[in-house]
N, C-alpha and C. Protein backbone atom coordinates (compact mmCIF):
# COMPACT_ATOMS: atom_id res chain seq x y z
N MET A 1 -0.35 -20.91 19.01
CA MET A 1 -1.64 -20.34 18.67
C MET A 1 -2.25 -21.16 17.54
N LYS A 2 -3.53 -21.45 17.67
CA LYS A 2 -4.23 -22.19 16.63
C LYS A 2 -4.47 -21.29 15.43
N THR A 3 -4.53 -21.90 14.27
CA THR A 3 -4.87 -21.15 13.07
C THR A 3 -6.38 -21.08 12.93
N ALA A 4 -6.84 -20.16 12.13
CA ALA A 4 -8.27 -20.00 11.88
C ALA A 4 -8.51 -20.08 10.39
N ILE A 5 -9.74 -20.30 10.02
CA ILE A 5 -10.11 -20.40 8.61
C ILE A 5 -10.95 -19.19 8.25
N LEU A 6 -10.62 -18.58 7.12
CA LEU A 6 -11.44 -17.49 6.60
C LEU A 6 -12.71 -18.07 5.99
N PRO A 7 -13.77 -17.30 5.97
CA PRO A 7 -15.00 -17.80 5.36
C PRO A 7 -14.82 -18.01 3.85
N SER A 8 -15.56 -18.97 3.34
CA SER A 8 -15.55 -19.20 1.90
C SER A 8 -16.16 -18.01 1.19
N VAL A 9 -15.64 -17.71 0.03
CA VAL A 9 -16.15 -16.59 -0.74
C VAL A 9 -16.55 -17.10 -2.12
N ARG A 10 -17.77 -16.83 -2.49
CA ARG A 10 -18.23 -17.24 -3.81
C ARG A 10 -17.81 -16.19 -4.84
N ILE A 11 -17.23 -16.67 -5.93
CA ILE A 11 -16.81 -15.77 -7.00
C ILE A 11 -17.25 -16.37 -8.34
N GLU A 12 -17.24 -15.54 -9.34
CA GLU A 12 -17.59 -16.01 -10.68
C GLU A 12 -16.50 -16.94 -11.19
N PRO A 13 -16.88 -17.95 -11.95
CA PRO A 13 -15.88 -18.88 -12.48
C PRO A 13 -14.78 -18.17 -13.29
N ALA A 14 -15.15 -17.12 -13.99
CA ALA A 14 -14.15 -16.41 -14.80
C ALA A 14 -13.07 -15.77 -13.92
N LEU A 15 -13.47 -15.27 -12.74
CA LEU A 15 -12.49 -14.69 -11.83
C LEU A 15 -11.56 -15.77 -11.29
N ARG A 16 -12.11 -16.91 -10.93
CA ARG A 16 -11.27 -18.01 -10.45
C ARG A 16 -10.27 -18.44 -11.53
N THR A 17 -10.74 -18.55 -12.75
CA THR A 17 -9.86 -18.92 -13.86
C THR A 17 -8.76 -17.89 -14.03
N SER A 18 -9.13 -16.63 -13.92
CA SER A 18 -8.15 -15.55 -14.04
C SER A 18 -7.10 -15.63 -12.94
N VAL A 19 -7.53 -15.85 -11.72
CA VAL A 19 -6.61 -15.97 -10.59
C VAL A 19 -5.69 -17.17 -10.80
N GLU A 20 -6.26 -18.30 -11.15
CA GLU A 20 -5.46 -19.50 -11.35
C GLU A 20 -4.42 -19.32 -12.45
N SER A 21 -4.75 -18.53 -13.45
CA SER A 21 -3.80 -18.31 -14.54
C SER A 21 -2.62 -17.43 -14.10
N LEU A 22 -2.78 -16.74 -12.99
CA LEU A 22 -1.72 -15.85 -12.49
C LEU A 22 -0.86 -16.47 -11.40
N LEU A 23 -1.21 -17.67 -10.95
CA LEU A 23 -0.44 -18.30 -9.89
C LEU A 23 0.99 -18.56 -10.36
N GLN A 24 1.92 -18.31 -9.44
CA GLN A 24 3.33 -18.57 -9.75
C GLN A 24 3.64 -20.04 -9.49
N ALA A 25 4.78 -20.49 -9.96
CA ALA A 25 5.18 -21.89 -9.79
C ALA A 25 5.15 -22.25 -8.31
N GLY A 26 4.44 -23.31 -7.97
CA GLY A 26 4.37 -23.77 -6.60
C GLY A 26 3.37 -23.03 -5.72
N GLU A 27 2.77 -22.00 -6.25
CA GLU A 27 1.80 -21.22 -5.47
C GLU A 27 0.43 -21.87 -5.56
N THR A 28 -0.26 -21.91 -4.43
CA THR A 28 -1.61 -22.47 -4.40
C THR A 28 -2.63 -21.35 -4.40
N LEU A 29 -3.85 -21.71 -4.73
CA LEU A 29 -4.94 -20.74 -4.69
C LEU A 29 -5.13 -20.24 -3.26
N SER A 30 -5.04 -21.14 -2.30
CA SER A 30 -5.17 -20.75 -0.88
C SER A 30 -4.06 -19.78 -0.48
N GLY A 31 -2.84 -20.06 -0.92
CA GLY A 31 -1.71 -19.17 -0.61
C GLY A 31 -1.90 -17.81 -1.24
N PHE A 32 -2.42 -17.79 -2.45
CA PHE A 32 -2.69 -16.53 -3.15
C PHE A 32 -3.72 -15.70 -2.37
N VAL A 33 -4.80 -16.36 -1.94
CA VAL A 33 -5.85 -15.66 -1.19
C VAL A 33 -5.31 -15.16 0.14
N GLU A 34 -4.53 -15.99 0.83
CA GLU A 34 -3.95 -15.56 2.11
C GLU A 34 -3.04 -14.35 1.91
N ASN A 35 -2.22 -14.38 0.88
CA ASN A 35 -1.34 -13.25 0.59
C ASN A 35 -2.14 -11.99 0.28
N ALA A 36 -3.21 -12.14 -0.48
CA ALA A 36 -4.05 -10.98 -0.82
C ALA A 36 -4.68 -10.39 0.44
N VAL A 37 -5.13 -11.25 1.34
CA VAL A 37 -5.73 -10.78 2.60
C VAL A 37 -4.68 -10.05 3.43
N ARG A 38 -3.48 -10.64 3.54
CA ARG A 38 -2.40 -10.00 4.31
C ARG A 38 -2.06 -8.62 3.75
N GLN A 39 -1.94 -8.55 2.43
CA GLN A 39 -1.60 -7.27 1.79
C GLN A 39 -2.69 -6.23 2.02
N THR A 40 -3.94 -6.63 1.94
CA THR A 40 -5.04 -5.70 2.15
C THR A 40 -5.08 -5.23 3.60
N VAL A 41 -4.84 -6.14 4.53
CA VAL A 41 -4.80 -5.75 5.95
C VAL A 41 -3.70 -4.73 6.17
N MET A 42 -2.50 -4.98 5.63
CA MET A 42 -1.38 -4.05 5.80
C MET A 42 -1.70 -2.70 5.16
N GLN A 43 -2.29 -2.72 3.96
CA GLN A 43 -2.63 -1.48 3.28
C GLN A 43 -3.63 -0.66 4.10
N ARG A 44 -4.61 -1.31 4.66
CA ARG A 44 -5.61 -0.59 5.46
C ARG A 44 -5.02 -0.05 6.76
N LYS A 45 -4.13 -0.82 7.38
CA LYS A 45 -3.45 -0.32 8.58
C LYS A 45 -2.61 0.91 8.24
N ASN A 46 -1.85 0.81 7.14
CA ASN A 46 -1.03 1.95 6.72
C ASN A 46 -1.89 3.17 6.42
N GLN A 47 -3.01 2.95 5.75
CA GLN A 47 -3.90 4.05 5.42
C GLN A 47 -4.47 4.69 6.68
N ALA A 48 -4.88 3.87 7.64
CA ALA A 48 -5.43 4.40 8.89
C ALA A 48 -4.37 5.20 9.65
N GLU A 49 -3.13 4.69 9.67
CA GLU A 49 -2.05 5.42 10.34
C GLU A 49 -1.75 6.73 9.62
N PHE A 50 -1.79 6.72 8.30
CA PHE A 50 -1.55 7.93 7.51
C PHE A 50 -2.61 8.98 7.82
N VAL A 51 -3.86 8.57 7.84
CA VAL A 51 -4.95 9.51 8.14
C VAL A 51 -4.80 10.05 9.56
N ALA A 52 -4.45 9.18 10.50
CA ALA A 52 -4.27 9.62 11.90
C ALA A 52 -3.15 10.65 12.00
N ARG A 53 -2.04 10.41 11.30
CA ARG A 53 -0.93 11.38 11.32
C ARG A 53 -1.37 12.71 10.69
N GLY A 54 -2.14 12.63 9.62
CA GLY A 54 -2.61 13.84 8.97
C GLY A 54 -3.54 14.64 9.87
N LEU A 55 -4.45 13.97 10.54
CA LEU A 55 -5.37 14.66 11.45
C LEU A 55 -4.62 15.28 12.63
N LEU A 56 -3.62 14.56 13.14
CA LEU A 56 -2.81 15.08 14.23
C LEU A 56 -2.04 16.32 13.77
N SER A 57 -1.50 16.25 12.57
CA SER A 57 -0.77 17.39 12.01
C SER A 57 -1.70 18.59 11.82
N LEU A 58 -2.90 18.33 11.35
CA LEU A 58 -3.88 19.40 11.17
C LEU A 58 -4.22 20.06 12.50
N GLU A 59 -4.46 19.25 13.52
CA GLU A 59 -4.76 19.80 14.84
C GLU A 59 -3.58 20.61 15.38
N ASN A 60 -2.38 20.12 15.15
CA ASN A 60 -1.19 20.84 15.59
C ASN A 60 -1.07 22.18 14.86
N ALA A 61 -1.33 22.18 13.57
CA ALA A 61 -1.26 23.42 12.79
C ALA A 61 -2.32 24.42 13.27
N LYS A 62 -3.51 23.92 13.55
CA LYS A 62 -4.56 24.81 14.05
C LYS A 62 -4.19 25.40 15.41
N ARG A 63 -3.60 24.54 16.25
CA ARG A 63 -3.24 24.98 17.60
C ARG A 63 -2.11 26.00 17.58
N THR A 64 -1.11 25.77 16.73
CA THR A 64 0.07 26.65 16.71
C THR A 64 -0.06 27.78 15.71
N GLY A 65 -0.93 27.62 14.74
CA GLY A 65 -1.05 28.61 13.68
C GLY A 65 0.08 28.51 12.65
N GLU A 66 0.89 27.46 12.74
CA GLU A 66 2.01 27.27 11.81
C GLU A 66 1.59 26.29 10.71
N TYR A 67 1.56 26.79 9.51
CA TYR A 67 1.19 25.98 8.35
C TYR A 67 2.35 25.96 7.37
N VAL A 68 2.41 24.94 6.55
CA VAL A 68 3.45 24.82 5.53
C VAL A 68 2.76 24.97 4.17
N GLU A 69 3.32 25.82 3.35
CA GLU A 69 2.77 26.01 1.99
C GLU A 69 2.99 24.74 1.18
N ALA A 70 2.06 24.43 0.31
CA ALA A 70 2.13 23.20 -0.48
C ALA A 70 3.26 23.23 -1.51
N GLU A 71 3.49 24.36 -2.13
CA GLU A 71 4.45 24.44 -3.24
C GLU A 71 5.86 23.99 -2.85
N PRO A 72 6.44 24.47 -1.74
CA PRO A 72 7.78 24.00 -1.38
C PRO A 72 7.83 22.50 -1.09
N VAL A 73 6.76 21.98 -0.50
CA VAL A 73 6.71 20.55 -0.21
C VAL A 73 6.67 19.75 -1.51
N LEU A 74 5.84 20.20 -2.45
CA LEU A 74 5.74 19.50 -3.73
C LEU A 74 7.06 19.57 -4.50
N GLU A 75 7.74 20.71 -4.42
CA GLU A 75 9.04 20.84 -5.09
C GLU A 75 10.05 19.87 -4.49
N LYS A 76 10.08 19.77 -3.17
CA LYS A 76 11.00 18.85 -2.52
C LYS A 76 10.69 17.40 -2.89
N MET A 77 9.40 17.07 -2.96
CA MET A 77 9.00 15.71 -3.34
C MET A 77 9.42 15.43 -4.79
N ALA A 78 9.27 16.41 -5.67
CA ALA A 78 9.67 16.25 -7.07
C ALA A 78 11.18 16.02 -7.17
N GLN A 79 11.95 16.74 -6.36
CA GLN A 79 13.40 16.55 -6.35
C GLN A 79 13.76 15.15 -5.88
N LYS A 80 13.10 14.68 -4.82
CA LYS A 80 13.36 13.33 -4.32
C LYS A 80 13.00 12.28 -5.37
N LEU A 81 11.90 12.49 -6.06
CA LEU A 81 11.48 11.56 -7.09
C LEU A 81 12.49 11.53 -8.23
N ALA A 82 12.93 12.69 -8.65
CA ALA A 82 13.92 12.77 -9.73
C ALA A 82 15.22 12.08 -9.32
N ALA A 83 15.66 12.28 -8.09
CA ALA A 83 16.88 11.64 -7.61
C ALA A 83 16.72 10.12 -7.57
N ALA A 84 15.56 9.65 -7.13
CA ALA A 84 15.31 8.21 -7.06
C ALA A 84 15.29 7.60 -8.47
N LYS A 85 14.66 8.30 -9.41
CA LYS A 85 14.61 7.82 -10.79
C LYS A 85 16.02 7.76 -11.38
N SER A 86 16.79 8.78 -11.10
CA SER A 86 18.17 8.84 -11.60
C SER A 86 19.00 7.70 -11.03
N LYS A 87 18.84 7.45 -9.74
CA LYS A 87 19.57 6.35 -9.09
C LYS A 87 19.16 5.00 -9.67
N LEU A 88 17.87 4.84 -9.90
CA LEU A 88 17.36 3.60 -10.48
C LEU A 88 17.92 3.38 -11.87
N GLN A 89 17.90 4.43 -12.68
CA GLN A 89 18.44 4.31 -14.05
C GLN A 89 19.92 3.98 -14.02
N ALA A 90 20.66 4.58 -13.10
CA ALA A 90 22.11 4.32 -13.00
C ALA A 90 22.37 2.87 -12.58
N SER A 91 21.52 2.33 -11.73
CA SER A 91 21.72 0.95 -11.27
C SER A 91 21.35 -0.07 -12.35
N GLN A 92 20.56 0.34 -13.33
CA GLN A 92 20.15 -0.58 -14.38
C GLN A 92 21.15 -0.62 -15.53
N LEU A 93 22.14 0.24 -15.49
CA LEU A 93 23.14 0.25 -16.57
C LEU A 93 24.21 -0.77 -16.37
């Protein structure tokens, strides 16, 4: 498959200077831009999938009349977060 070129984007000189100051060893400006585009594409795909799952879940809840209260879900998420933090701290020792 042939590669394609993204359109040129005009930016302020200060932004270019800022980006160039953040480049890692061996990293090019083009590589940085390509990576940023890839990350943004993945983030938007993930966001679209998340919204689609949420809408599907909402429709399912409406259809079945089965809803989950927020408080137990938030408590479970807090427990998972605490466990992950604890594991991370233990691995850093």
